[in-house]
C-alpha cells in the first residue's frame, strides 16, 4: 500500500505546542477550575497537583496552543521544509490553512506525521476552530471512521495492526539507523524554552528536525534511499 503512494503528493508535518499560560497561577479562574478537573484524571501520584501537572497542558487542544508547524514536501529528490511559527497562533494557523487550501486541495494529496492521527491532525483542526478559522478540506476529518482517514502516520504504519504500544520517533530513527542531529531539547522542554527562555527559534529548529526524521523514516518504510543532507532545504 505504501509503495503506491506518490511521495510528491505527501505533506509531512510536525507541530510544537505549549500550555496557554506561562504557569498555573496565571490561568483565568474559570479555566483553572476546568484544568483542576482534568488534572485530577491525569494524576497518578499523591503529589501530582494541578500546578505540577500544568506543564502537560500543552498536549490538550483545549488547554494548549500551537507555536510552530513545520511542513516538508519532496520535489525532484529534494526535501523542502517551511515553518509557520510565532506567538500569535491565529496568524500561523491562517498561514498554514492558506497553504493547504491553495496547494493541497485535491483528493490525491495526503498528510503524514508521527502519531499524527491521534495528535497533530486533530490538534490543528481543533485549534483552527477555536481561532475561528475554517478547517481546510484535507484536515476536515471529523466524524470519519478510522479506515476512512487516508492520511499517513509513521507510528501507525509501524504497528502492523498491533495497537499495544507507543513507539517514539526517536526510537524508530535509532532502530533504522537514520542519521539525525543531536537535539539540545526534547518535547518535554518546549514549554519551558518558549515561556521561560523566550527562544522560539530553537523550537522551530527542533520541529524541523522532526520533519526530516519523519520523511527519512517514511523512505525507510519503502526501502528507498535516504535524501542526503545537501538536498534538504529550509525555506
Protein backbone atom coordinates (compact mmCIF):
# COMPACT_ATOMS: atom_id res chain seq x y z
CA UNK A 1 0.00 0.00 0.00
CA UNK A 2 2.75 2.44 0.97
CA UNK A 3 4.61 1.78 -2.28
CA UNK A 4 1.55 3.01 -4.18
CA UNK A 5 1.67 6.40 -2.50
CA UNK A 6 3.12 9.14 -4.69
CA UNK A 7 5.56 10.73 -2.26
CA UNK A 8 5.41 14.07 -4.05
CA UNK A 9 1.72 14.22 -3.04
CA UNK A 10 2.50 13.95 0.67
CA UNK A 11 2.91 16.89 3.03
CA UNK A 12 4.99 15.80 6.02
CA UNK A 13 4.45 17.80 9.18
CA UNK A 14 5.14 18.18 12.88
CA UNK A 15 3.75 20.60 15.43
CA UNK A 16 5.03 22.03 18.70
CA UNK A 17 2.56 23.02 21.39
CA UNK A 18 2.72 24.73 24.78
CA UNK A 19 0.31 25.44 27.65
CA UNK A 20 -1.88 28.51 27.09
CA UNK A 21 -0.30 30.35 30.01
CA UNK A 22 3.28 30.51 31.35
CA UNK A 23 2.31 28.99 34.69
CA UNK A 24 -0.63 27.61 36.62
CA UNK A 25 -1.15 30.75 38.71
CA UNK A 26 -1.74 32.76 35.53
CA UNK A 27 -4.72 30.72 34.35
CA UNK A 28 -8.04 32.62 34.49
CA UNK A 29 -10.23 31.31 37.30
CA UNK A 30 -12.84 29.62 35.10
CA UNK A 31 -10.19 27.73 33.13
CA UNK A 32 -8.21 26.95 36.28
CA UNK A 33 -11.20 25.08 37.68
CA UNK A 34 -11.56 23.16 34.43
CA UNK A 35 -7.86 22.30 34.44
CA UNK A 36 -8.15 21.12 38.03
CA UNK A 37 -10.79 18.61 36.91
CA UNK A 38 -8.59 17.47 34.02
CA UNK A 39 -5.51 17.21 36.23
CA UNK A 40 -7.37 15.05 38.74
CA UNK A 41 -7.86 12.49 35.99
CA UNK A 42 -4.20 12.68 34.97
CA UNK A 43 -2.80 12.34 38.46
CA UNK A 44 -1.02 9.06 39.14
CA UNK A 45 0.76 10.02 42.37
CA UNK A 46 -0.38 11.73 45.55
CA UNK A 47 1.81 14.77 44.87
CA UNK A 48 0.52 15.20 41.30
CA UNK A 49 -1.19 18.54 41.91
CA UNK A 50 -2.85 20.58 39.13
CA UNK A 51 0.07 23.03 39.35
CA UNK A 52 2.71 20.33 38.96
CA UNK A 53 0.83 18.74 36.07
CA UNK A 54 0.28 22.03 34.23
CA UNK A 55 3.40 21.56 32.12
CA UNK A 56 1.44 18.78 30.38
CA UNK A 57 -1.42 21.11 29.44
CA UNK A 58 0.10 21.77 26.03
CA UNK A 59 -0.80 18.30 24.75
CA UNK A 60 -4.51 19.11 25.04
CA UNK A 61 -6.02 21.41 22.41
CA UNK A 62 -8.44 22.84 24.99
CA UNK A 63 -5.64 23.96 27.32
CA UNK A 64 -2.70 24.45 24.95
CA UNK A 65 -1.82 26.19 21.72
CA UNK A 66 0.36 25.72 18.68
CA UNK A 67 3.54 27.76 18.38
CA UNK A 68 5.10 26.02 15.36
CA UNK A 69 4.03 23.92 12.40
CA UNK A 70 6.87 22.68 10.21
CA UNK A 71 5.87 21.15 6.89
CA UNK A 72 8.03 19.40 4.30
CA UNK A 73 7.50 18.14 0.78
CA UNK A 74 9.61 16.15 -1.67
CA UNK A 75 10.17 17.51 -5.16
CA UNK A 76 12.77 16.27 -7.61
CA UNK A 77 14.65 14.33 -4.95
CA UNK A 78 14.91 17.39 -2.72
CA UNK A 79 13.16 17.87 0.61
CA UNK A 80 11.94 21.40 1.21
CA UNK A 81 10.75 22.48 4.65
CA UNK A 82 8.79 25.58 5.58
CA UNK A 83 7.83 26.55 9.12
CA UNK A 84 4.90 28.58 10.37
CA UNK A 85 5.78 29.85 13.82
CA UNK A 86 5.08 32.71 16.16
CA UNK A 87 3.47 33.90 19.35
CA UNK A 88 0.22 34.75 17.54
CA UNK A 89 -1.39 31.36 16.99
CA UNK A 90 -4.18 32.69 14.77
CA UNK A 91 -1.67 34.16 12.32
CA UNK A 92 0.37 30.97 11.91
CA UNK A 93 -2.78 28.83 11.63
CA UNK A 94 -4.19 31.13 8.95
CA UNK A 95 -0.90 30.91 7.03
CA UNK A 96 -0.91 27.12 7.25
CA UNK A 97 -4.57 26.96 6.22
CA UNK A 98 -3.75 29.12 3.20
CA UNK A 99 -1.04 26.63 2.18
CA UNK A 100 -3.43 23.69 2.47
CA UNK A 101 -6.26 25.46 0.65
CA UNK A 102 -4.09 26.65 -2.22
CA UNK A 103 -1.72 23.71 -2.80
CA UNK A 104 -3.14 20.63 -1.08
CA UNK A 105 -6.77 20.90 -2.11
CA UNK A 106 -7.28 17.72 -4.15
CA UNK A 107 -8.19 14.17 -3.03
CA UNK A 108 -4.83 12.72 -4.08
CA UNK A 109 -2.91 14.79 -1.52
CA UNK A 110 -2.07 13.28 1.87
CA UNK A 111 -0.67 14.42 5.19
CA UNK A 112 1.92 12.44 7.13
CA UNK A 113 3.09 12.82 10.73
CA UNK A 114 4.30 10.63 13.59
CA UNK A 115 1.27 9.90 15.77
CA UNK A 116 -0.48 12.39 13.53
CA UNK A 117 -3.87 10.70 13.58
CA UNK A 118 -4.12 10.95 17.36
CA UNK A 119 -2.26 14.22 17.89
CA UNK A 120 -1.10 16.56 15.11
CA UNK A 121 -4.08 16.38 12.72
CA UNK A 122 -6.91 16.70 15.27
CA UNK A 123 -4.96 19.24 17.34
CA UNK A 124 -4.52 21.56 14.35
CA UNK A 125 -8.19 21.19 13.38
CA UNK A 126 -9.40 21.91 16.93
CA UNK A 127 -7.18 24.97 17.33
CA UNK A 128 -8.36 26.29 13.97
CA UNK A 129 -11.97 26.08 15.10
CA UNK A 130 -11.15 27.74 18.42
CA UNK A 131 -9.49 30.58 16.48
CA UNK A 132 -12.47 30.90 14.12
CA UNK A 133 -10.63 29.51 11.10
CA UNK A 134 -12.44 27.31 8.61
CA UNK A 135 -10.80 23.88 8.51
CA UNK A 136 -9.23 23.10 5.09
CA UNK A 137 -10.82 20.11 3.36
CA UNK A 138 -7.71 17.94 3.75
CA UNK A 139 -7.95 18.33 7.56
CA UNK A 140 -11.73 18.16 7.88
CA UNK A 141 -11.94 14.55 9.05
CA UNK A 142 -14.39 14.93 11.94
CA UNK A 143 -16.89 12.08 12.07
CA UNK A 144 -14.99 9.82 9.71
CA UNK A 145 -14.28 6.21 10.56
CA UNK A 146 -10.56 5.39 11.15
CA UNK A 147 -10.36 3.47 7.87
CA UNK A 148 -11.83 6.45 6.04
CA UNK A 149 -8.91 8.66 7.04
CA UNK A 150 -6.32 8.16 4.32
CA UNK A 151 -3.60 10.28 5.86
CA UNK A 152 -0.33 8.58 6.78
CA UNK A 153 1.02 8.09 10.28
CA UNK A 154 4.55 6.72 10.63
CA UNK A 155 3.77 5.41 14.11
CA UNK A 156 0.61 3.63 12.96
CA UNK A 157 2.42 2.14 9.96
CA UNK A 158 4.96 0.58 12.32
CA UNK A 159 2.25 -1.13 14.37
CA UNK A 160 1.22 -3.52 11.57
CA UNK A 161 -2.17 -3.85 13.24
CA UNK A 162 -0.71 -4.17 16.77
CA UNK A 163 -2.19 -1.40 18.91
CA UNK A 164 -0.40 -2.19 22.17
CA UNK A 165 2.48 0.21 22.21
CA UNK A 166 3.52 3.78 21.50
CA UNK A 167 6.79 3.80 19.57
CA UNK A 168 8.60 7.12 19.60
CA UNK A 169 10.11 8.76 16.55
CA UNK A 170 13.49 8.82 18.32
CA UNK A 171 13.40 5.06 18.84
CA UNK A 172 12.46 4.32 15.24
CA UNK A 173 15.18 6.56 13.81
CA UNK A 174 17.67 4.71 16.02
CA UNK A 175 16.33 1.29 15.00
CA UNK A 176 16.61 2.17 11.32
CA UNK A 177 20.00 3.85 11.80
CA UNK A 178 18.69 7.11 10.40
CA UNK A 179 21.26 9.88 10.91
CA UNK A 180 19.73 12.68 12.95
CA UNK A 181 21.45 15.69 14.54
CA UNK A 182 21.67 15.51 18.32
CA UNK A 183 18.90 17.68 19.74
CA UNK A 184 19.62 20.05 22.58
CA UNK A 185 15.97 19.85 23.71
CA UNK A 186 13.18 17.31 23.71
CA UNK A 187 9.42 17.63 23.56
CA UNK A 188 9.02 17.90 27.32
CA UNK A 189 11.17 21.05 27.36
CA UNK A 190 9.36 23.00 24.64
CA UNK A 191 7.06 24.83 27.06
CA UNK A 192 9.96 25.97 29.22
CA UNK A 193 12.05 27.06 26.23
CA UNK A 194 9.09 29.09 24.93
CA UNK A 195 7.77 30.65 28.13
CA UNK A 196 10.92 30.98 30.24
CA UNK A 197 13.73 31.25 27.69
CA UNK A 198 11.69 33.08 25.02
CA UNK A 199 13.61 31.13 22.37
CA UNK A 200 11.18 30.32 19.57
CA UNK A 201 13.97 29.86 17.01
CA UNK A 202 15.35 26.94 19.00
CA UNK A 203 11.92 25.29 18.98
CA UNK A 204 11.48 25.83 15.24
CA UNK A 205 14.80 24.14 14.56
CA UNK A 206 13.78 21.20 16.75
CA UNK A 207 10.45 20.94 14.91
CA UNK A 208 12.16 20.98 11.52
CA UNK A 209 14.48 18.16 12.59
CA UNK A 210 11.44 16.05 13.43
CA UNK A 211 10.02 16.62 9.95
CA UNK A 212 13.30 15.47 8.42
CA UNK A 213 13.22 12.37 10.63
CA UNK A 214 9.62 11.60 9.60
CA UNK A 215 10.47 11.88 5.90
CA UNK A 216 13.54 9.66 6.21
CA UNK A 217 11.58 7.09 8.22
CA UNK A 218 8.87 7.11 5.53
CA UNK A 219 11.54 6.39 2.91
CA UNK A 220 12.95 3.57 5.06
CA UNK A 221 9.49 2.03 5.23
CA UNK A 222 9.54 1.97 1.42
CA UNK A 223 13.11 0.57 1.30
CA UNK A 224 14.24 3.64 -0.63
CA UNK A 225 17.46 5.62 -0.45
CA UNK A 226 17.53 8.46 2.04
CA UNK A 227 17.68 12.08 0.95
CA UNK A 228 21.22 13.42 1.52
CA UNK A 229 21.72 16.39 3.78
CA UNK A 230 22.68 18.69 0.91
CA UNK A 231 19.27 18.02 -0.68
CA UNK A 232 17.36 19.20 2.39
CA UNK A 233 16.42 22.87 2.12
CA UNK A 234 14.86 25.16 4.72
CA UNK A 235 12.65 27.73 3.01
